[in-house]
């Protein structure tokens, strides 16, 4: 009986993960993430440590709007997404804001792409909604944009989640 419970516990922990963030024509919807009960002040400190570690040596990171139960992380992500147009691949860097609001055994995460840069680090005028038509579908010529950006964002979100639940 104990072995069964132990296996069930490890199975649940191994498969626990945050919900998948899906790209919409306006960006990403916020998600609610369940975590073990941890005091909010500890979650804030862990998240600040994660942000610095995740971006160490790659990007600058700003941690702002810190309150007793929330904070905002702003940073860049190189090669955050790409698209193919007539066989040519174009890579883009993003500047993002990740707002996290904690409530001991869960948190709400909002992810916004503020700016998009070319691979050569030039700010472009396009925002995420500009890649979609009026019906909410990707415009022609931007294949792989949604999959590649979703993969990047979900990797960031998963990295944060793993850091929070695996702290010692």
Foldseek 3Di string as FASTA:
>chain_A
DVVVVVVVVVVCVVPAFWDFWFQWLQGTDKGKHFAAFDQQVVLVVLLVVLLCVVCPPNWDWDWDPDDSFKIKIWIKDWQLFWFAAPRDIWGKMFIKIWIWGDDRGMIIIDIATDWIAGNVGHTDPDGSNVQADPVGHGDPRGPRGRVSNSVSVRVSRRSSRCSVRPPD
